[in-house]
Amino acid sequence: MGVEMMVAGAAMSSYMGAQAQNRAARRGYGMSMEQYRLNLEALKRTREVTTEQVSDQSEVEQWKNYMQGMTITGRARAAIASAGSTTSMGGTGARIETQTFMDRLRNARFLDESLINTIEKINSDYLAGGVGATNQYTQLTQNYYSQMKSPFLAAFGSGLTMYGMYQ
């Protein structure tokens, strides 16, 4: 009768230990799931804020480009007027205005392309961060699942070991 009690005690102890280990693994898994969610939210918020900042800066640069073009055009008109001419000095003034306008359009296009490229980079970084967070989450999940044991198999194995020791 004593051997059976020892076998049963060892089996019960192993069963309880496996259940405790599984509870700890599930808690760890739950915490990793929450951390994964927080990581994705942080990545999303970073993308939103950075995109907004870049867009705002682009608007400022576009405005500066516009004002610079208008300033150059105004200076050209002032120079023509100070020369005592109300015409465009044989087309020179008109050419300066046209060139300033074309420069402003070219600069605006470059600023637009820069904004598009920067936003594409932000989105690429966001996707890469999401992939990294997902890979980390997957590894943690696999780690927690690998820690889990079948309480019944643990009890059975422990019982067999104890029984074998006393046979």
C-alpha atoms as a PDB file:
ATOM      1  CA  MET A   1       0.000   0.000   0.000  1.00  0.00           C
ATOM      2  CA  GLY A   2       2.886   2.379   0.677  1.00  0.00           C
ATOM      3  CA  VAL A   3       4.284   2.092  -2.850  1.00  0.00           C
ATOM      4  CA  GLU A   4       0.921   2.889  -4.395  1.00  0.00           C
ATOM      5  CA  MET A   5       0.614   5.990  -2.205  1.00  0.00           C
ATOM      6  CA  MET A   6       4.079   7.146  -3.190  1.00  0.00           C
ATOM      7  CA  VAL A   7       3.341   6.552  -6.871  1.00  0.00           C
ATOM      8  CA  ALA A   8       0.021   8.380  -6.541  1.00  0.00           C
ATOM      9  CA  GLY A   9       1.693  11.246  -4.658  1.00  0.00           C
ATOM     10  CA  ALA A  10       4.420  11.608  -7.270  1.00  0.00           C
ATOM     11  CA  ALA A  11       1.839  11.487 -10.058  1.00  0.00           C
ATOM     12  CA  MET A  12      -0.334  14.102  -8.337  1.00  0.00           C
ATOM     13  CA  SER A  13       2.670  16.330  -7.705  1.00  0.00           C
ATOM     14  CA  SER A  14       3.720  16.095 -11.353  1.00  0.00           C
ATOM     15  CA  TYR A  15       0.154  16.732 -12.470  1.00  0.00           C
ATOM     16  CA  MET A  16      -0.110  19.861 -10.298  1.00  0.00           C
ATOM     17  CA  GLY A  17       3.354  21.049 -11.383  1.00  0.00           C
ATOM     18  CA  ALA A  18       2.439  20.701 -15.059  1.00  0.00           C
ATOM     19  CA  GLN A  19      -0.780  22.621 -14.494  1.00  0.00           C
ATOM     20  CA  ALA A  20       1.113  25.423 -12.703  1.00  0.00           C
ATOM     21  CA  GLN A  21       3.664  25.569 -15.515  1.00  0.00           C
ATOM     22  CA  ASN A  22       0.876  25.750 -18.099  1.00  0.00           C
ATOM     23  CA  ARG A  23      -0.826  28.589 -16.192  1.00  0.00           C
ATOM     24  CA  ALA A  24       2.456  30.509 -16.134  1.00  0.00           C
ATOM     25  CA  ALA A  25       2.964  29.900 -19.867  1.00  0.00           C
ATOM     26  CA  ARG A  26      -0.585  31.113 -20.623  1.00  0.00           C
ATOM     27  CA  ARG A  27      -0.009  34.259 -18.540  1.00  0.00           C
ATOM     28  CA  GLY A  28       3.228  34.877 -20.417  1.00  0.00           C
ATOM     29  CA  TYR A  29       1.454  34.332 -23.712  1.00  0.00           C
ATOM     30  CA  GLY A  30      -1.289  36.781 -22.690  1.00  0.00           C
ATOM     31  CA  MET A  31       1.302  39.387 -21.756  1.00  0.00           C
ATOM     32  CA  SER A  32       3.123  38.889 -25.060  1.00  0.00           C
ATOM     33  CA  MET A  33      -0.163  39.295 -26.922  1.00  0.00           C
ATOM     34  CA  GLU A  34      -0.806  42.597 -25.127  1.00  0.00           C
ATOM     35  CA  GLN A  35       2.753  43.758 -25.822  1.00  0.00           C
ATOM     36  CA  TYR A  36       2.310  42.884 -29.496  1.00  0.00           C
ATOM     37  CA  ARG A  37      -0.886  44.954 -29.635  1.00  0.00           C
ATOM     38  CA  LEU A  38       0.859  47.893 -27.944  1.00  0.00           C
ATOM     39  CA  ASN A  39       3.823  47.625 -30.333  1.00  0.00           C
ATOM     40  CA  LEU A  40       1.528  47.750 -33.362  1.00  0.00           C
ATOM     41  CA  GLU A  41      -0.370  50.721 -31.927  1.00  0.00           C
ATOM     42  CA  ALA A  42       2.903  52.567 -31.268  1.00  0.00           C
ATOM     43  CA  LEU A  43       4.102  51.875 -34.805  1.00  0.00           C
ATOM     44  CA  LYS A  44       0.809  53.127 -36.239  1.00  0.00           C
ATOM     45  CA  ARG A  45       0.856  56.285 -34.111  1.00  0.00           C
ATOM     46  CA  THR A  46       4.489  56.973 -35.036  1.00  0.00           C
ATOM     47  CA  ARG A  47       3.614  56.642 -38.707  1.00  0.00           C
ATOM     48  CA  GLU A  48       0.644  58.997 -38.349  1.00  0.00           C
ATOM     49  CA  VAL A  49       2.586  61.659 -36.432  1.00  0.00           C
ATOM     50  CA  THR A  50       5.629  61.496 -38.697  1.00  0.00           C
ATOM     51  CA  THR A  51       3.501  61.664 -41.844  1.00  0.00           C
ATOM     52  CA  GLU A  52       1.658  64.686 -40.466  1.00  0.00           C
ATOM     53  CA  GLN A  53       4.933  66.424 -39.568  1.00  0.00           C
ATOM     54  CA  VAL A  54       6.418  65.748 -43.008  1.00  0.00           C
ATOM     55  CA  SER A  55       3.251  66.977 -44.723  1.00  0.00           C
ATOM     56  CA  ASP A  56       3.218  70.153 -42.639  1.00  0.00           C
ATOM     57  CA  GLN A  57       6.881  70.797 -43.422  1.00  0.00           C
ATOM     58  CA  SER A  58       6.188  70.268 -47.114  1.00  0.00           C
ATOM     59  CA  GLU A  59       3.421  72.864 -46.996  1.00  0.00           C
ATOM     60  CA  VAL A  60       5.845  75.347 -45.413  1.00  0.00           C
ATOM     61  CA  GLU A  61       8.443  74.623 -48.100  1.00  0.00           C
ATOM     62  CA  GLN A  62       5.847  75.032 -50.859  1.00  0.00           C
ATOM     63  CA  TRP A  63       4.813  78.384 -49.392  1.00  0.00           C
ATOM     64  CA  LYS A  64       8.451  79.502 -49.154  1.00  0.00           C
ATOM     65  CA  ASN A  65       8.960  78.455 -52.788  1.00  0.00           C
ATOM     66  CA  TYR A  66       5.907  80.470 -53.851  1.00  0.00           C
ATOM     67  CA  MET A  67       6.981  83.546 -51.888  1.00  0.00           C
ATOM     68  CA  GLN A  68      10.539  83.368 -53.240  1.00  0.00           C
ATOM     69  CA  GLY A  69       9.197  83.278 -56.810  1.00  0.00           C
ATOM     70  CA  MET A  70       6.907  86.221 -56.135  1.00  0.00           C
ATOM     71  CA  THR A  71       9.804  88.155 -54.562  1.00  0.00           C
ATOM     72  CA  ILE A  72      12.052  87.588 -57.582  1.00  0.00           C
ATOM     73  CA  THR A  73       9.240  88.607 -59.942  1.00  0.00           C
ATOM     74  CA  GLY A  74       8.616  91.731 -57.874  1.00  0.00           C
ATOM     75  CA  ARG A  75      12.295  92.653 -57.913  1.00  0.00           C
ATOM     76  CA  ALA A  76      12.419  92.209 -61.685  1.00  0.00           C
ATOM     77  CA  ARG A  77       9.404  94.483 -62.087  1.00  0.00           C
ATOM     78  CA  ALA A  78      10.955  97.048 -59.736  1.00  0.00           C
ATOM     79  CA  ALA A  79      14.219  96.981 -61.700  1.00  0.00           C
ATOM     80  CA  ILE A  80      12.321  97.529 -64.947  1.00  0.00           C
ATOM     81  CA  ALA A  81      10.383 100.414 -63.416  1.00  0.00           C
ATOM     82  CA  SER A  82      13.525 102.023 -61.930  1.00  0.00           C
ATOM     83  CA  ALA A  83      15.124 101.881 -65.379  1.00  0.00           C
ATOM     84  CA  GLY A  84      12.421 104.251 -66.446  1.00  0.00           C
ATOM     85  CA  SER A  85      10.559 101.778 -68.566  1.00  0.00           C
ATOM     86  CA  THR A  86       6.986 100.676 -68.212  1.00  0.00           C
ATOM     87  CA  THR A  87       7.492  97.944 -70.769  1.00  0.00           C
ATOM     88  CA  SER A  88       9.406  94.769 -70.259  1.00  0.00           C
ATOM     89  CA  MET A  89      12.679  96.185 -71.630  1.00  0.00           C
ATOM     90  CA  GLY A  90      12.500  94.462 -74.966  1.00  0.00           C
ATOM     91  CA  GLY A  91      11.162  91.208 -73.534  1.00  0.00           C
ATOM     92  CA  THR A  92      13.841  90.789 -70.855  1.00  0.00           C
ATOM     93  CA  GLY A  93      11.392  91.455 -68.028  1.00  0.00           C
ATOM     94  CA  ALA A  94       8.881  89.009 -69.460  1.00  0.00           C
ATOM     95  CA  ARG A  95      11.604  86.383 -69.797  1.00  0.00           C
ATOM     96  CA  ILE A  96      12.651  86.910 -66.168  1.00  0.00           C
ATOM     97  CA  GLU A  97       9.055  86.535 -65.007  1.00  0.00           C
ATOM     98  CA  THR A  98       8.531  83.434 -67.144  1.00  0.00           C
ATOM     99  CA  GLN A  99      11.785  81.870 -65.945  1.00  0.00           C
ATOM    100  CA  THR A 100      10.897  82.631 -62.322  1.00  0.00           C
ATOM    101  CA  PHE A 101       7.491  81.027 -62.823  1.00  0.00           C
ATOM    102  CA  MET A 102       9.047  77.948 -64.427  1.00  0.00           C
ATOM    103  CA  ASP A 103      11.629  77.684 -61.628  1.00  0.00           C
ATOM    104  CA  ARG A 104       8.864  77.891 -59.059  1.00  0.00           C
ATOM    105  CA  LEU A 105       6.912  75.107 -60.811  1.00  0.00           C
ATOM    106  CA  ARG A 106      10.024  72.916 -61.041  1.00  0.00           C
ATOM    107  CA  ASN A 107      10.802  73.456 -57.351  1.00  0.00           C
ATOM    108  CA  ALA A 108       7.187  72.696 -56.437  1.00  0.00           C
ATOM    109  CA  ARG A 109       7.412  69.417 -58.359  1.00  0.00           C
ATOM    110  CA  PHE A 110      10.669  68.508 -56.584  1.00  0.00           C
ATOM    111  CA  LEU A 111       9.051  69.272 -53.224  1.00  0.00           C
ATOM    112  CA  ASP A 112       6.041  67.102 -54.121  1.00  0.00           C
ATOM    113  CA  GLU A 113       8.297  64.229 -55.176  1.00  0.00           C
ATOM    114  CA  SER A 114      10.298  64.584 -51.986  1.00  0.00           C
ATOM    115  CA  LEU A 115       7.113  64.437 -49.922  1.00  0.00           C
ATOM    116  CA  ILE A 116       5.933  61.327 -51.757  1.00  0.00           C
ATOM    117  CA  ASN A 117       9.304  59.605 -51.286  1.00  0.00           C
ATOM    118  CA  THR A 118       9.440  60.512 -47.610  1.00  0.00           C
ATOM    119  CA  ILE A 119       5.923  59.201 -46.982  1.00  0.00           C
ATOM    120  CA  GLU A 120       6.782  55.987 -48.867  1.00  0.00           C
ATOM    121  CA  LYS A 121       9.826  55.600 -46.586  1.00  0.00           C
ATOM    122  CA  ILE A 122       7.664  56.160 -43.504  1.00  0.00           C
ATOM    123  CA  ASN A 123       5.192  53.522 -44.718  1.00  0.00           C
ATOM    124  CA  SER A 124       8.016  51.112 -45.533  1.00  0.00           C
ATOM    125  CA  ASP A 125       9.458  51.557 -42.040  1.00  0.00           C
ATOM    126  CA  TYR A 126       5.979  51.008 -40.590  1.00  0.00           C
ATOM    127  CA  LEU A 127       5.568  47.747 -42.493  1.00  0.00           C
ATOM    128  CA  ALA A 128       9.051  46.576 -41.534  1.00  0.00           C
ATOM    129  CA  GLY A 129       8.313  47.369 -37.893  1.00  0.00           C
ATOM    130  CA  GLY A 130       5.049  45.431 -38.121  1.00  0.00           C
ATOM    131  CA  VAL A 131       6.832  42.437 -39.599  1.00  0.00           C
ATOM    132  CA  GLY A 132       9.452  42.619 -36.850  1.00  0.00           C
ATOM    133  CA  ALA A 133       6.792  42.843 -34.143  1.00  0.00           C
ATOM    134  CA  THR A 134       4.900  39.917 -35.677  1.00  0.00           C
ATOM    135  CA  ASN A 135       8.054  37.784 -35.850  1.00  0.00           C
ATOM    136  CA  GLN A 136       8.849  38.589 -32.219  1.00  0.00           C
ATOM    137  CA  TYR A 137       5.290  37.739 -31.191  1.00  0.00           C
ATOM    138  CA  THR A 138       5.410  34.463 -33.131  1.00  0.00           C
ATOM    139  CA  GLN A 139       8.684  33.466 -31.461  1.00  0.00           C
ATOM    140  CA  LEU A 140       7.326  34.276 -28.001  1.00  0.00           C
ATOM    141  CA  THR A 141       4.147  32.340 -28.720  1.00  0.00           C
ATOM    142  CA  GLN A 142       6.139  29.303 -29.835  1.00  0.00           C
ATOM    143  CA  ASN A 143       8.294  29.613 -26.723  1.00  0.00           C
ATOM    144  CA  TYR A 144       5.252  29.674 -24.421  1.00  0.00           C
ATOM    145  CA  TYR A 145       3.617  26.750 -26.197  1.00  0.00           C
ATOM    146  CA  SER A 146       6.827  24.745 -25.956  1.00  0.00           C
ATOM    147  CA  GLN A 147       6.774  25.246 -22.173  1.00  0.00           C
ATOM    148  CA  MET A 148       3.339  23.693 -21.841  1.00  0.00           C
ATOM    149  CA  LYS A 149       3.014  20.086 -20.765  1.00  0.00           C
ATOM    150  CA  SER A 150       0.198  17.614 -20.645  1.00  0.00           C
ATOM    151  CA  PRO A 151      -0.625  17.203 -16.936  1.00  0.00           C
ATOM    152  CA  PHE A 152      -1.858  13.670 -17.588  1.00  0.00           C
ATOM    153  CA  LEU A 153       1.344  12.622 -19.352  1.00  0.00           C
ATOM    154  CA  ALA A 154       3.424  14.262 -16.615  1.00  0.00           C
ATOM    155  CA  ALA A 155       1.483  12.361 -13.942  1.00  0.00           C
ATOM    156  CA  PHE A 156       1.672   9.103 -15.876  1.00  0.00           C
ATOM    157  CA  GLY A 157       5.414   9.451 -16.496  1.00  0.00           C
ATOM    158  CA  SER A 158       6.116  10.322 -12.884  1.00  0.00           C
ATOM    159  CA  GLY A 159       3.962   7.468 -11.684  1.00  0.00           C
ATOM    160  CA  LEU A 160       5.787   5.015 -13.947  1.00  0.00           C
ATOM    161  CA  THR A 161       9.156   6.287 -12.742  1.00  0.00           C
ATOM    162  CA  MET A 162       8.170   5.906  -9.078  1.00  0.00           C
ATOM    163  CA  TYR A 163       6.661   2.501  -9.694  1.00  0.00           C
ATOM    164  CA  GLY A 164       9.828   1.410 -11.517  1.00  0.00           C
ATOM    165  CA  MET A 165      11.979   2.553  -8.575  1.00  0.00           C
ATOM    166  CA  TYR A 166      10.126   0.250  -6.186  1.00  0.00           C
ATOM    167  CA  GLN A 167       9.883  -2.793  -8.423  1.00  0.00           C
END
